[in-house]
C-alpha atoms as a PDB file:
ATOM      1  CA  MET A   1      -1.850 -14.479 -34.001  1.00  0.00           C
ATOM      2  CA  GLU A   2      -1.131 -11.783 -31.052  1.00  0.00           C
ATOM      3  CA  LYS A   3      -0.758 -13.388 -27.085  1.00  0.00           C
ATOM      4  CA  TRP A   4      -2.460 -10.015 -26.226  1.00  0.00           C
ATOM      5  CA  LYS A   5      -4.948  -8.056 -28.157  1.00  0.00           C
ATOM      6  CA  TYR A   6      -4.123  -5.062 -26.109  1.00  0.00           C
ATOM      7  CA  ARG A   7      -0.922  -3.232 -25.467  1.00  0.00           C
ATOM      8  CA  SER A   8      -1.804  -2.732 -21.699  1.00  0.00           C
ATOM      9  CA  LEU A   9      -2.235  -6.034 -21.141  1.00  0.00           C
ATOM     10  CA  GLU A  10       1.103  -6.992 -22.999  1.00  0.00           C
ATOM     11  CA  TRP A  11       2.487  -4.501 -20.438  1.00  0.00           C
ATOM     12  CA  ILE A  12       0.925  -5.490 -17.549  1.00  0.00           C
ATOM     13  CA  HIS A  13       2.239  -9.519 -17.949  1.00  0.00           C
ATOM     14  CA  ARG A  14       5.531  -8.404 -18.994  1.00  0.00           C
ATOM     15  CA  VAL A  15       6.395  -6.478 -15.769  1.00  0.00           C
ATOM     16  CA  ARG A  16       4.692  -9.242 -13.831  1.00  0.00           C
ATOM     17  CA  GLU A  17       6.896 -11.936 -15.327  1.00  0.00           C
ATOM     18  CA  GLU A  18      10.415  -9.640 -14.602  1.00  0.00           C
ATOM     19  CA  GLU A  19       9.033  -9.040 -10.894  1.00  0.00           C
ATOM     20  CA  TYR A  20       8.312 -12.930 -10.499  1.00  0.00           C
ATOM     21  CA  GLU A  21      11.532 -13.431 -11.992  1.00  0.00           C
ATOM     22  CA  LYS A  22      13.415 -11.076  -9.408  1.00  0.00           C
ATOM     23  CA  SER A  23      11.119 -12.591  -6.181  1.00  0.00           C
ATOM     24  CA  LYS A  24      10.980 -16.284  -7.155  1.00  0.00           C
ATOM     25  CA  ASN A  25      14.052 -17.198  -4.924  1.00  0.00           C
ATOM     26  CA  LEU A  26      13.225 -15.080  -1.882  1.00  0.00           C
ATOM     27  CA  SER A  27      12.005 -15.985   1.589  1.00  0.00           C
ATOM     28  CA  PRO A  28       8.646 -14.855   2.322  1.00  0.00           C
ATOM     29  CA  ARG A  29      10.364 -12.664   5.119  1.00  0.00           C
ATOM     30  CA  GLU A  30      12.708 -10.976   2.387  1.00  0.00           C
ATOM     31  CA  LEU A  31       9.569 -10.504   0.018  1.00  0.00           C
ATOM     32  CA  VAL A  32       7.934  -8.847   2.528  1.00  0.00           C
ATOM     33  CA  GLU A  33      10.275  -6.451   3.761  1.00  0.00           C
ATOM     34  CA  ARG A  34      11.053  -5.764   0.074  1.00  0.00           C
ATOM     35  CA  THR A  35       7.557  -4.837  -0.548  1.00  0.00           C
ATOM     36  CA  ARG A  36       7.381  -2.966   2.908  1.00  0.00           C
ATOM     37  CA  LYS A  37      10.211  -0.824   1.737  1.00  0.00           C
ATOM     38  CA  SER A  38       9.106   0.136  -1.914  1.00  0.00           C
ATOM     39  CA  THR A  39       5.289   1.160  -0.325  1.00  0.00           C
ATOM     40  CA  GLU A  40       6.948   3.330   2.085  1.00  0.00           C
ATOM     41  CA  SER A  41       9.068   4.993  -0.539  1.00  0.00           C
ATOM     42  CA  ALA A  42       6.021   5.375  -2.868  1.00  0.00           C
ATOM     43  CA  ALA A  43       4.137   6.743  -0.211  1.00  0.00           C
ATOM     44  CA  ARG A  44       6.965   9.734   0.794  1.00  0.00           C
ATOM     45  CA  ASN A  45       6.853  10.426  -2.871  1.00  0.00           C
ATOM     46  CA  LEU A  46       3.194  10.568  -3.964  1.00  0.00           C
ATOM     47  CA  LYS A  47       2.527  12.122  -0.209  1.00  0.00           C
ATOM     48  CA  PRO A  48      -1.376  11.305  -0.025  1.00  0.00           C
ATOM     49  CA  LYS A  49      -3.501  13.354   1.817  1.00  0.00           C
ATOM     50  CA  ILE A  50      -5.553  11.925   4.178  1.00  0.00           C
ATOM     51  CA  GLU A  51      -8.857  12.772   4.770  1.00  0.00           C
ATOM     52  CA  LYS A  52     -11.203  12.277   7.468  1.00  0.00           C
ATOM     53  CA  THR A  53     -14.228  10.329   7.244  1.00  0.00           C
ATOM     54  CA  HIS A  54     -17.505  12.097   8.097  1.00  0.00           C
ATOM     55  CA  LYS A  55     -19.184  10.712  11.026  1.00  0.00           C
ATOM     56  CA  SER A  56     -22.694   9.774   9.289  1.00  0.00           C
ATOM     57  CA  LEU A  57     -20.711   7.305   6.767  1.00  0.00           C
ATOM     58  CA  ILE A  58     -18.943   5.606   9.565  1.00  0.00           C
ATOM     59  CA  SER A  59     -21.646   2.913  10.354  1.00  0.00           C
ATOM     60  CA  LYS A  60     -22.119   2.103  14.568  1.00  0.00           C
END
């Protein structure tokens, strides 16, 4: 019997395991710094458009 029924689950768990192996010996500070750098890089590459929230959607 297969461990994962769907290939997407297989991929997700493989990537999570690989990421765990890469980061398990990092200190919390190192892990936060690494995450911050990768997030900044992804944001620069994606160039997200920031939308203003309409006033009627903001609760008072």
